[in-house]
Amino acid sequence: MAEIADSEQGHGPDLARMAGHIVNLGAGSVVFDDLEGQSAVEAGLKRYSDQLLGGLPGYDRASGLTRQAREAIAIFRQRDRTDPESTLRNLGIAFALELISNRSLIPGEKRALIDSGHYGLGLDDPEMHYLFDHWGECGAEQQHEQNVRLAIAGALNVETRPLIEAGIDAFLDALAALWDVIDSRVLQNA
């Protein structure tokens, strides 16, 4: 679990570079002229988030987060708790996150951004380093899922199962609520 937490640190610049590059290509013009300027790209993305999501109940303009996003983050941040019950719930939360990331989010990003050909992107583009590093059988997400599976296998029994499942359910419920509100807003603007 510590290996997963350590490997998730420091992705901000790569994610900002990738997002800025995708926006530039999607817009057909330069929206972000400095893809290495993480704070400028993030501020620009937040402005778009404010435009798209700002009218939602509970949207926080200071953070750029919906109520549902804040709830999902709060559940994920419970990993700071180290008491035995929290640790077991955290295994469930981590399992749900890594399973969704490895089986859905990262492959979905690859299909939408690379395989579709819509953006003219390739995994070998320097701006796509994050996706390249996390996708596929040798990618970080595959390793993260395997690590969580091993951790759960070592802890799972009749007594721990309800706590692990509670973590899985809590994170998946929060994520589904977030996706529902984003889907409804995007469909309204389509």
N, C-alpha and C. Protein backbone atom coordinates (compact mmCIF):
# COMPACT_ATOMS: atom_id res chain seq x y z
N MET A 1 0.83 -1.18 0.00
CA MET A 1 0.00 0.00 0.00
C MET A 1 0.88 1.25 0.00
N ALA A 2 1.98 1.20 0.73
CA ALA A 2 2.89 2.35 0.77
C ALA A 2 3.49 2.58 -0.61
N GLU A 3 3.78 1.50 -1.33
CA GLU A 3 4.32 1.63 -2.68
C GLU A 3 3.34 2.38 -3.59
N ILE A 4 2.06 2.09 -3.47
CA ILE A 4 1.05 2.77 -4.27
C ILE A 4 1.02 4.26 -3.91
N ALA A 5 0.98 4.56 -2.62
CA ALA A 5 0.93 5.96 -2.19
C ALA A 5 2.16 6.72 -2.68
N ASP A 6 3.34 6.10 -2.57
CA ASP A 6 4.56 6.76 -3.03
C ASP A 6 4.54 7.00 -4.54
N SER A 7 4.04 6.04 -5.29
CA SER A 7 4.07 6.18 -6.75
C SER A 7 3.04 7.19 -7.26
N GLU A 8 2.05 7.54 -6.43
CA GLU A 8 1.03 8.50 -6.86
C GLU A 8 1.45 9.94 -6.61
N GLN A 9 2.59 10.15 -5.99
CA GLN A 9 3.05 11.51 -5.70
C GLN A 9 3.68 12.14 -6.94
N GLY A 10 3.47 13.43 -7.10
CA GLY A 10 4.19 14.19 -8.12
C GLY A 10 3.68 14.09 -9.53
N HIS A 11 2.44 13.64 -9.74
CA HIS A 11 1.91 13.53 -11.10
C HIS A 11 1.30 14.82 -11.62
N GLY A 12 1.19 15.83 -10.76
CA GLY A 12 0.55 17.08 -11.16
C GLY A 12 1.10 17.68 -12.44
N PRO A 13 2.42 17.84 -12.56
CA PRO A 13 2.95 18.42 -13.80
C PRO A 13 2.64 17.59 -15.05
N ASP A 14 2.74 16.26 -14.94
CA ASP A 14 2.44 15.40 -16.09
C ASP A 14 0.97 15.48 -16.49
N LEU A 15 0.09 15.49 -15.49
CA LEU A 15 -1.35 15.57 -15.77
C LEU A 15 -1.72 16.92 -16.37
N ALA A 16 -1.14 18.00 -15.85
CA ALA A 16 -1.42 19.33 -16.39
C ALA A 16 -0.92 19.44 -17.83
N ARG A 17 0.28 18.93 -18.09
CA ARG A 17 0.85 18.96 -19.45
C ARG A 17 -0.05 18.18 -20.41
N MET A 18 -0.49 17.00 -19.99
CA MET A 18 -1.35 16.18 -20.84
C MET A 18 -2.69 16.88 -21.08
N ALA A 19 -3.31 17.39 -20.03
CA ALA A 19 -4.61 18.06 -20.17
C ALA A 19 -4.51 19.30 -21.06
N GLY A 20 -3.49 20.11 -20.83
CA GLY A 20 -3.30 21.30 -21.66
C GLY A 20 -3.10 20.96 -23.12
N HIS A 21 -2.32 19.93 -23.38
CA HIS A 21 -2.07 19.48 -24.75
C HIS A 21 -3.36 19.01 -25.42
N ILE A 22 -4.17 18.25 -24.69
CA ILE A 22 -5.44 17.75 -25.23
C ILE A 22 -6.39 18.91 -25.52
N VAL A 23 -6.46 19.88 -24.61
CA VAL A 23 -7.32 21.06 -24.83
C VAL A 23 -6.85 21.81 -26.06
N ASN A 24 -5.55 22.02 -26.19
CA ASN A 24 -5.02 22.72 -27.36
C ASN A 24 -5.40 22.01 -28.65
N LEU A 25 -5.22 20.70 -28.68
CA LEU A 25 -5.55 19.95 -29.90
C LEU A 25 -7.05 19.96 -30.15
N GLY A 26 -7.85 19.79 -29.10
CA GLY A 26 -9.30 19.79 -29.26
C GLY A 26 -9.84 21.13 -29.73
N ALA A 27 -9.21 22.22 -29.27
CA ALA A 27 -9.64 23.56 -29.65
C ALA A 27 -9.17 23.93 -31.05
N GLY A 28 -8.16 23.24 -31.52
CA GLY A 28 -7.62 23.58 -32.83
C GLY A 28 -6.79 24.85 -32.82
N SER A 29 -6.47 25.33 -31.64
CA SER A 29 -5.64 26.52 -31.49
C SER A 29 -4.94 26.44 -30.13
N VAL A 30 -4.04 27.36 -29.89
CA VAL A 30 -3.29 27.35 -28.64
C VAL A 30 -4.11 28.03 -27.55
N VAL A 31 -4.61 27.23 -26.64
CA VAL A 31 -5.32 27.74 -25.46
C VAL A 31 -4.30 27.91 -24.33
N PHE A 32 -3.42 26.94 -24.21
CA PHE A 32 -2.36 26.97 -23.20
C PHE A 32 -1.03 27.02 -23.94
N ASP A 33 -0.36 28.17 -23.85
CA ASP A 33 0.88 28.32 -24.60
C ASP A 33 2.10 27.76 -23.87
N ASP A 34 2.00 27.55 -22.57
CA ASP A 34 3.11 26.98 -21.80
C ASP A 34 2.62 25.73 -21.08
N LEU A 35 2.81 24.58 -21.70
CA LEU A 35 2.35 23.33 -21.11
C LEU A 35 3.17 22.91 -19.91
N GLU A 36 4.32 23.54 -19.71
CA GLU A 36 5.14 23.24 -18.54
C GLU A 36 4.71 24.07 -17.34
N GLY A 37 3.86 25.05 -17.55
CA GLY A 37 3.38 25.90 -16.46
C GLY A 37 2.16 25.28 -15.80
N GLN A 38 2.40 24.36 -14.88
CA GLN A 38 1.32 23.61 -14.23
C GLN A 38 0.27 24.52 -13.63
N SER A 39 0.67 25.54 -12.91
CA SER A 39 -0.32 26.39 -12.24
C SER A 39 -1.16 27.15 -13.25
N ALA A 40 -0.58 27.59 -14.35
CA ALA A 40 -1.35 28.31 -15.37
C ALA A 40 -2.34 27.38 -16.07
N VAL A 41 -1.92 26.17 -16.37
CA VAL A 41 -2.83 25.20 -17.01
C VAL A 41 -3.95 24.85 -16.04
N GLU A 42 -3.62 24.57 -14.79
CA GLU A 42 -4.65 24.24 -13.81
C GLU A 42 -5.63 25.39 -13.60
N ALA A 43 -5.13 26.62 -13.59
CA ALA A 43 -6.03 27.78 -13.45
C ALA A 43 -6.96 27.90 -14.66
N GLY A 44 -6.43 27.64 -15.84
CA GLY A 44 -7.27 27.68 -17.03
C GLY A 44 -8.32 26.58 -17.03
N LEU A 45 -7.94 25.39 -16.62
CA LEU A 45 -8.89 24.29 -16.53
C LEU A 45 -9.97 24.59 -15.49
N LYS A 46 -9.57 25.24 -14.41
CA LYS A 46 -10.55 25.60 -13.38
C LYS A 46 -11.55 26.62 -13.93
N ARG A 47 -11.09 27.57 -14.74
CA ARG A 47 -12.03 28.53 -15.35
C ARG A 47 -13.08 27.81 -16.19
N TYR A 48 -12.64 26.79 -16.94
CA TYR A 48 -13.60 26.02 -17.75
C TYR A 48 -14.53 25.22 -16.85
N SER A 49 -13.99 24.69 -15.76
CA SER A 49 -14.82 23.96 -14.81
C SER A 49 -15.87 24.90 -14.21
N ASP A 50 -15.44 26.11 -13.85
CA ASP A 50 -16.39 27.09 -13.31
C ASP A 50 -17.51 27.38 -14.31
N GLN A 51 -17.15 27.50 -15.59
CA GLN A 51 -18.16 27.77 -16.62
C GLN A 51 -19.13 26.61 -16.77
N LEU A 52 -18.60 25.39 -16.79
CA LEU A 52 -19.42 24.22 -17.04
C LEU A 52 -20.21 23.78 -15.81
N LEU A 53 -19.57 23.80 -14.65
CA LEU A 53 -20.17 23.22 -13.45
C LEU A 53 -20.61 24.25 -12.41
N GLY A 54 -20.27 25.52 -12.63
CA GLY A 54 -20.51 26.55 -11.64
C GLY A 54 -21.94 26.70 -11.18
N GLY A 55 -22.91 26.34 -12.00
CA GLY A 55 -24.31 26.47 -11.62
C GLY A 55 -24.86 25.30 -10.84
N LEU A 56 -24.07 24.29 -10.62
CA LEU A 56 -24.56 23.12 -9.89
C LEU A 56 -24.70 23.43 -8.41
N PRO A 57 -25.72 22.89 -7.77
CA PRO A 57 -25.85 23.07 -6.32
C PRO A 57 -24.63 22.48 -5.62
N GLY A 58 -24.05 23.26 -4.72
CA GLY A 58 -22.92 22.78 -3.95
C GLY A 58 -21.57 22.95 -4.62
N TYR A 59 -21.54 23.52 -5.84
CA TYR A 59 -20.26 23.75 -6.50
C TYR A 59 -19.48 24.82 -5.74
N ASP A 60 -18.21 24.55 -5.46
CA ASP A 60 -17.37 25.47 -4.73
C ASP A 60 -16.40 26.14 -5.70
N ARG A 61 -16.62 27.41 -5.96
CA ARG A 61 -15.77 28.12 -6.92
C ARG A 61 -14.32 28.27 -6.45
N ALA A 62 -14.11 28.31 -5.16
CA ALA A 62 -12.73 28.44 -4.66
C ALA A 62 -11.90 27.22 -5.04
N SER A 63 -12.47 26.04 -4.87
CA SER A 63 -11.71 24.81 -5.16
C SER A 63 -11.97 24.29 -6.57
N GLY A 64 -13.10 24.69 -7.17
CA GLY A 64 -13.47 24.15 -8.48
C GLY A 64 -14.03 22.75 -8.38
N LEU A 65 -14.57 22.39 -7.22
CA LEU A 65 -15.06 21.03 -7.00
C LEU A 65 -16.56 21.01 -6.75
N THR A 66 -17.20 20.00 -7.29
CA THR A 66 -18.60 19.77 -6.97
C THR A 66 -18.70 19.18 -5.56
N ARG A 67 -19.89 19.22 -5.01
CA ARG A 67 -20.11 18.59 -3.70
C ARG A 67 -19.74 17.12 -3.77
N GLN A 68 -20.10 16.47 -4.87
CA GLN A 68 -19.84 15.04 -5.02
C GLN A 68 -18.34 14.76 -5.10
N ALA A 69 -17.59 15.63 -5.76
CA ALA A 69 -16.14 15.45 -5.83
C ALA A 69 -15.51 15.61 -4.46
N ARG A 70 -15.99 16.59 -3.70
CA ARG A 70 -15.45 16.77 -2.34
C ARG A 70 -15.76 15.56 -1.47
N GLU A 71 -16.93 14.97 -1.64
CA GLU A 71 -17.28 13.77 -0.86
C GLU A 71 -16.38 12.59 -1.23
N ALA A 72 -16.12 12.41 -2.53
CA ALA A 72 -15.23 11.32 -2.95
C ALA A 72 -13.82 11.54 -2.42
N ILE A 73 -13.35 12.77 -2.46
CA ILE A 73 -12.02 13.08 -1.94
C ILE A 73 -11.95 12.83 -0.44
N ALA A 74 -13.00 13.22 0.27
CA ALA A 74 -13.03 13.00 1.73
C ALA A 74 -12.95 11.51 2.05
N ILE A 75 -13.65 10.69 1.29
CA ILE A 75 -13.58 9.24 1.51
C ILE A 75 -12.17 8.74 1.24
N PHE A 76 -11.57 9.20 0.15
CA PHE A 76 -10.22 8.77 -0.20
C PHE A 76 -9.21 9.22 0.85
N ARG A 77 -9.41 10.40 1.41
CA ARG A 77 -8.47 10.93 2.41
C ARG A 77 -8.55 10.20 3.74
N GLN A 78 -9.53 9.34 3.91
CA GLN A 78 -9.60 8.56 5.14
C GLN A 78 -8.41 7.63 5.28
N ARG A 79 -7.64 7.47 4.22
CA ARG A 79 -6.47 6.60 4.28
C ARG A 79 -5.43 7.09 5.28
N ASP A 80 -5.57 8.35 5.72
CA ASP A 80 -4.65 8.87 6.74
C ASP A 80 -4.91 8.25 8.10
N ARG A 81 -6.09 7.68 8.28
CA ARG A 81 -6.42 7.03 9.55
C ARG A 81 -5.75 5.66 9.58
N THR A 82 -5.17 5.32 10.72
CA THR A 82 -4.40 4.08 10.79
C THR A 82 -4.92 3.09 11.83
N ASP A 83 -6.06 3.38 12.45
CA ASP A 83 -6.62 2.40 13.37
C ASP A 83 -7.03 1.16 12.56
N PRO A 84 -7.13 -0.01 13.21
CA PRO A 84 -7.40 -1.25 12.47
C PRO A 84 -8.66 -1.21 11.59
N GLU A 85 -9.78 -0.69 12.10
CA GLU A 85 -11.00 -0.65 11.30
C GLU A 85 -10.84 0.26 10.08
N SER A 86 -10.24 1.43 10.28
CA SER A 86 -10.01 2.35 9.16
C SER A 86 -9.07 1.73 8.13
N THR A 87 -8.06 1.04 8.60
CA THR A 87 -7.10 0.40 7.69
C THR A 87 -7.81 -0.61 6.79
N LEU A 88 -8.71 -1.38 7.36
CA LEU A 88 -9.45 -2.36 6.56
C LEU A 88 -10.40 -1.67 5.57
N ARG A 89 -11.09 -0.61 6.00
CA ARG A 89 -11.94 0.15 5.07
C ARG A 89 -11.07 0.76 3.97
N ASN A 90 -9.89 1.23 4.35
CA ASN A 90 -8.99 1.84 3.37
C ASN A 90 -8.53 0.83 2.33
N LEU A 91 -8.38 -0.44 2.72
CA LEU A 91 -8.06 -1.46 1.72
C LEU A 91 -9.18 -1.54 0.68
N GLY A 92 -10.42 -1.49 1.14
CA GLY A 92 -11.56 -1.50 0.23
C GLY A 92 -11.60 -0.28 -0.66
N ILE A 93 -11.35 0.89 -0.07
CA ILE A 93 -11.31 2.13 -0.85
C ILE A 93 -10.23 2.04 -1.92
N ALA A 94 -9.03 1.61 -1.52
CA ALA A 94 -7.92 1.49 -2.47
C ALA A 94 -8.24 0.48 -3.57
N PHE A 95 -8.87 -0.63 -3.18
CA PHE A 95 -9.22 -1.63 -4.18
C PHE A 95 -10.19 -1.06 -5.22
N ALA A 96 -11.23 -0.36 -4.75
CA ALA A 96 -12.20 0.23 -5.67
C ALA A 96 -11.51 1.24 -6.58
N LEU A 97 -10.68 2.09 -6.02
CA LEU A 97 -9.99 3.09 -6.82
C LEU A 97 -9.08 2.46 -7.87
N GLU A 98 -8.27 1.49 -7.46
CA GLU A 98 -7.32 0.89 -8.39
C GLU A 98 -8.02 0.04 -9.45
N LEU A 99 -9.08 -0.64 -9.05
CA LEU A 99 -9.84 -1.44 -10.02
C LEU A 99 -10.47 -0.53 -11.07
N ILE A 100 -11.10 0.55 -10.64
CA ILE A 100 -11.71 1.50 -11.58
C ILE A 100 -10.63 2.13 -12.46
N SER A 101 -9.53 2.52 -11.87
CA SER A 101 -8.45 3.15 -12.65
C SER A 101 -7.88 2.19 -13.68
N ASN A 102 -7.55 0.97 -13.25
CA ASN A 102 -6.90 0.02 -14.14
C ASN A 102 -7.84 -0.57 -15.18
N ARG A 103 -9.07 -0.80 -14.83
CA ARG A 103 -10.00 -1.48 -15.73
C ARG A 103 -10.89 -0.54 -16.52
N SER A 104 -11.01 0.72 -16.08
CA SER A 104 -11.95 1.62 -16.72
C SER A 104 -11.33 2.96 -17.11
N LEU A 105 -10.85 3.72 -16.13
CA LEU A 105 -10.40 5.08 -16.42
C LEU A 105 -9.23 5.14 -17.39
N ILE A 106 -8.15 4.48 -17.07
CA ILE A 106 -6.96 4.55 -17.93
C ILE A 106 -7.24 3.91 -19.30
N PRO A 107 -7.84 2.71 -19.39
CA PRO A 107 -8.18 2.19 -20.72
C PRO A 107 -9.18 3.09 -21.46
N GLY A 108 -10.11 3.69 -20.73
CA GLY A 108 -11.06 4.61 -21.35
C GLY A 108 -10.37 5.83 -21.92
N GLU A 109 -9.41 6.36 -21.16
CA GLU A 109 -8.65 7.50 -21.67
C GLU A 109 -7.89 7.10 -22.94
N LYS A 110 -7.28 5.93 -22.92
CA LYS A 110 -6.54 5.50 -24.10
C LYS A 110 -7.46 5.35 -25.30
N ARG A 111 -8.63 4.73 -25.10
CA ARG A 111 -9.57 4.57 -26.22
C ARG A 111 -10.05 5.93 -26.74
N ALA A 112 -10.41 6.82 -25.83
CA ALA A 112 -10.95 8.12 -26.23
C ALA A 112 -9.89 9.05 -26.82
N LEU A 113 -8.72 9.05 -26.23
CA LEU A 113 -7.71 10.02 -26.64
C LEU A 113 -6.76 9.52 -27.72
N ILE A 114 -6.42 8.25 -27.68
CA ILE A 114 -5.43 7.70 -28.61
C ILE A 114 -6.12 6.90 -29.72
N ASP A 115 -6.83 5.84 -29.32
CA ASP A 115 -7.39 4.90 -30.30
C ASP A 115 -8.43 5.55 -31.21
N SER A 116 -9.17 6.52 -30.72
CA SER A 116 -10.22 7.16 -31.53
C SER A 116 -9.63 7.93 -32.70
N GLY A 117 -8.41 8.40 -32.56
CA GLY A 117 -7.79 9.20 -33.61
C GLY A 117 -8.33 10.63 -33.66
N HIS A 118 -9.28 10.94 -32.80
CA HIS A 118 -9.94 12.25 -32.82
C HIS A 118 -8.97 13.40 -32.57
N TYR A 119 -8.00 13.19 -31.70
CA TYR A 119 -7.09 14.27 -31.32
C TYR A 119 -5.75 14.20 -32.05
N GLY A 120 -5.48 13.11 -32.73
CA GLY A 120 -4.19 12.96 -33.39
C GLY A 120 -3.05 12.72 -32.41
N LEU A 121 -3.38 12.09 -31.29
CA LEU A 121 -2.39 11.82 -30.25
C LEU A 121 -1.82 10.42 -30.37
N GLY A 122 -0.62 10.25 -29.88
CA GLY A 122 0.00 8.94 -29.76
C GLY A 122 0.55 8.75 -28.36
N LEU A 123 0.62 7.51 -27.92
CA LEU A 123 1.20 7.24 -26.60
C LEU A 123 2.65 7.69 -26.51
N ASP A 124 3.31 7.79 -27.67
CA ASP A 124 4.71 8.20 -27.66
C ASP A 124 4.89 9.72 -27.64
N ASP A 125 3.78 10.48 -27.71
CA ASP A 125 3.88 11.94 -27.58
C ASP A 125 4.42 12.27 -26.19
N PRO A 126 5.40 13.15 -26.09
CA PRO A 126 5.95 13.48 -24.76
C PRO A 126 4.89 14.00 -23.79
N GLU A 127 3.89 14.70 -24.30
CA GLU A 127 2.84 15.23 -23.43
C GLU A 127 1.95 14.14 -22.86
N MET A 128 1.99 12.96 -23.44
CA MET A 128 1.14 11.85 -23.01
C MET A 128 1.88 10.87 -22.10
N HIS A 129 2.98 11.32 -21.51
CA HIS A 129 3.82 10.47 -20.66
C HIS A 129 3.01 9.82 -19.53
N TYR A 130 2.13 10.58 -18.89
CA TYR A 130 1.35 10.03 -17.77
C TYR A 130 0.54 8.83 -18.24
N LEU A 131 -0.18 8.97 -19.33
CA LEU A 131 -1.01 7.87 -19.82
C LEU A 131 -0.13 6.69 -20.24
N PHE A 132 0.97 6.96 -20.91
CA PHE A 132 1.89 5.89 -21.32
C PHE A 132 2.39 5.11 -20.10
N ASP A 133 2.72 5.83 -19.05
CA ASP A 133 3.27 5.21 -17.84
C ASP A 133 2.25 4.40 -17.05
N HIS A 134 0.96 4.73 -17.19
CA HIS A 134 -0.07 4.09 -16.37
C HIS A 134 -0.90 3.05 -17.11
N TRP A 135 -0.82 2.97 -18.42
CA TRP A 135 -1.69 2.09 -19.20
C TRP A 135 -1.01 0.74 -19.47
N GLY A 136 -1.83 -0.28 -19.59
CA GLY A 136 -1.38 -1.57 -20.08
C GLY A 136 -0.86 -2.52 -19.03
N GLU A 137 -0.46 -3.70 -19.50
CA GLU A 137 -0.03 -4.76 -18.61
C GLU A 137 1.21 -4.39 -17.81
N CYS A 138 2.04 -3.53 -18.33
CA CYS A 138 3.24 -3.12 -17.61
C CYS A 138 3.05 -1.76 -16.94
N GLY A 139 1.86 -1.20 -17.03
CA GLY A 139 1.60 0.12 -16.49
C GLY A 139 1.46 0.14 -14.98
N ALA A 140 1.55 1.33 -14.45
CA ALA A 140 1.47 1.52 -13.00
C ALA A 140 0.13 1.07 -12.44
N GLU A 141 -0.97 1.31 -13.15
CA GLU A 141 -2.28 0.95 -12.61
C GLU A 141 -2.43 -0.56 -12.47
N GLN A 142 -1.89 -1.32 -13.39
CA GLN A 142 -1.92 -2.77 -13.30
C GLN A 142 -1.18 -3.23 -12.04
N GLN A 143 -0.03 -2.63 -11.79
CA GLN A 143 0.76 -2.98 -10.61
C GLN A 143 0.03 -2.56 -9.33
N HIS A 144 -0.59 -1.41 -9.36
CA HIS A 144 -1.34 -0.95 -8.18
C HIS A 144 -2.49 -1.90 -7.85
N GLU A 145 -3.23 -2.30 -8.88
CA GLU A 145 -4.34 -3.24 -8.63
C GLU A 145 -3.81 -4.54 -8.04
N GLN A 146 -2.72 -5.04 -8.59
CA GLN A 146 -2.14 -6.28 -8.08
C GLN A 146 -1.70 -6.13 -6.63
N ASN A 147 -1.08 -5.00 -6.30
CA ASN A 147 -0.64 -4.76 -4.92
C ASN A 147 -1.81 -4.75 -3.95
N VAL A 148 -2.92 -4.09 -4.33
CA VAL A 148 -4.08 -4.04 -3.45
C VAL A 148 -4.69 -5.44 -3.32
N ARG A 149 -4.76 -6.18 -4.41
CA ARG A 149 -5.29 -7.55 -4.34
C ARG A 149 -4.47 -8.39 -3.35
N LEU A 150 -3.15 -8.26 -3.39
CA LEU A 150 -2.30 -9.01 -2.48
C LEU A 150 -2.52 -8.57 -1.04
N ALA A 151 -2.67 -7.27 -0.82
CA ALA A 151 -2.91 -6.76 0.54
C ALA A 151 -4.24 -7.28 1.07
N ILE A 152 -5.26 -7.26 0.24
CA ILE A 152 -6.58 -7.75 0.67
C ILE A 152 -6.53 -9.25 0.93
N ALA A 153 -5.85 -9.99 0.06
CA ALA A 153 -5.76 -11.44 0.25
C ALA A 153 -5.12 -11.78 1.59
N GLY A 154 -4.19 -10.96 2.03
CA GLY A 154 -3.54 -11.21 3.31
C GLY A 154 -4.38 -10.81 4.51
N ALA A 155 -5.40 -10.00 4.28
CA ALA A 155 -6.20 -9.50 5.41
C ALA A 155 -7.64 -10.01 5.42
N LEU A 156 -8.08 -10.60 4.33
CA LEU A 156 -9.50 -10.94 4.19
C LEU A 156 -9.86 -12.20 4.99
N ASN A 157 -10.86 -12.05 5.82
CA ASN A 157 -11.45 -13.19 6.53
C ASN A 157 -12.90 -12.81 6.87
N VAL A 158 -13.59 -13.66 7.57
CA VAL A 158 -15.00 -13.43 7.88
C VAL A 158 -15.20 -12.12 8.66
N GLU A 159 -14.29 -11.80 9.57
CA GLU A 159 -14.44 -10.60 10.38
C GLU A 159 -14.06 -9.32 9.64
N THR A 160 -13.08 -9.40 8.74
CA THR A 160 -12.61 -8.19 8.06
C THR A 160 -13.41 -7.87 6.80
N ARG A 161 -14.06 -8.86 6.25
CA ARG A 161 -14.79 -8.68 4.99
C ARG A 161 -15.78 -7.51 5.02
N PRO A 162 -16.64 -7.38 6.07
CA PRO A 162 -17.59 -6.26 6.08
C PRO A 162 -16.92 -4.89 6.04
N LEU A 163 -15.78 -4.73 6.70
CA LEU A 163 -15.09 -3.44 6.69
C LEU A 163 -14.47 -3.16 5.32
N ILE A 164 -13.87 -4.16 4.72
CA ILE A 164 -13.30 -3.99 3.38
C ILE A 164 -14.41 -3.66 2.38
N GLU A 165 -15.53 -4.39 2.46
CA GLU A 165 -16.65 -4.12 1.56
C GLU A 165 -17.25 -2.74 1.81
N ALA A 166 -17.27 -2.28 3.06
CA ALA A 166 -17.78 -0.94 3.36
C ALA A 166 -16.93 0.12 2.67
N GLY A 167 -15.62 -0.07 2.65
CA GLY A 167 -14.73 0.86 1.94
C GLY A 167 -14.99 0.85 0.44
N ILE A 168 -15.14 -0.34 -0.12
CA ILE A 168 -15.44 -0.46 -1.55
C ILE A 168 -16.74 0.28 -1.87
N ASP A 169 -17.79 -0.02 -1.11
CA ASP A 169 -19.10 0.59 -1.36
C ASP A 169 -19.06 2.11 -1.20
N ALA A 170 -18.40 2.59 -0.16
CA ALA A 170 -18.36 4.04 0.08
C ALA A 170 -17.71 4.77 -1.09
N PHE A 171 -16.58 4.25 -1.56
CA PHE A 171 -15.89 4.94 -2.65
C PHE A 171 -16.67 4.82 -3.95
N LEU A 172 -17.18 3.64 -4.27
CA LEU A 172 -17.93 3.48 -5.52
C LEU A 172 -19.21 4.30 -5.52
N ASP A 173 -19.90 4.39 -4.38
CA ASP A 173 -21.10 5.23 -4.30
C ASP A 173 -20.76 6.69 -4.54
N ALA A 174 -19.68 7.16 -3.93
CA ALA A 174 -19.27 8.56 -4.11
C ALA A 174 -18.86 8.82 -5.55
N LEU A 175 -18.14 7.89 -6.15
CA LEU A 175 -17.72 8.05 -7.54
C LEU A 175 -18.91 8.04 -8.49
N ALA A 176 -19.88 7.16 -8.25
CA ALA A 176 -21.08 7.11 -9.09
C ALA A 176 -21.85 8.43 -8.99
N ALA A 177 -21.95 8.99 -7.79
CA ALA A 177 -22.65 10.27 -7.62
C ALA A 177 -21.92 11.38 -8.39
N LEU A 178 -20.60 11.37 -8.35
CA LEU A 178 -19.82 12.36 -9.09
C LEU A 178 -20.04 12.20 -10.59
N TRP A 179 -19.95 11.00 -11.08
CA TRP A 179 -20.15 10.78 -12.52
C TRP A 179 -21.56 11.15 -12.94
N ASP A 180 -22.55 10.87 -12.11
CA ASP A 180 -23.93 11.21 -12.45
C ASP A 180 -24.11 12.71 -12.62
N VAL A 181 -23.56 13.50 -11.70
CA VAL A 181 -23.73 14.95 -11.78
C VAL A 181 -22.95 15.52 -12.97
N ILE A 182 -21.77 15.00 -13.24
CA ILE A 182 -21.00 15.48 -14.40
C ILE A 182 -21.70 15.08 -15.69
N ASP A 183 -22.16 13.83 -15.78
CA ASP A 183 -22.88 13.39 -16.97
C ASP A 183 -24.11 14.26 -17.23
N SER A 184 -24.89 14.55 -16.18
CA SER A 184 -26.09 15.35 -16.39
C SER A 184 -25.76 16.74 -16.89
N ARG A 185 -24.68 17.34 -16.38
CA ARG A 185 -24.28 18.69 -16.81
C ARG A 185 -23.74 18.67 -18.24
N VAL A 186 -22.93 17.70 -18.55
CA VAL A 186 -22.36 17.61 -19.91
C VAL A 186 -23.49 17.37 -20.92
N LEU A 187 -24.42 16.50 -20.59
CA LEU A 187 -25.54 16.24 -21.51
C LEU A 187 -26.41 17.47 -21.71
N GLN A 188 -26.58 18.28 -20.68
CA GLN A 188 -27.35 19.52 -20.81
C GLN A 188 -26.67 20.49 -21.76
N ASN A 189 -25.35 20.45 -21.81
CA ASN A 189 -24.59 21.40 -22.64
C ASN A 189 -24.22 20.83 -24.01
N ALA A 190 -24.63 19.59 -24.26
CA ALA A 190 -24.25 18.96 -25.54
C ALA A 190 -25.09 19.50 -26.69
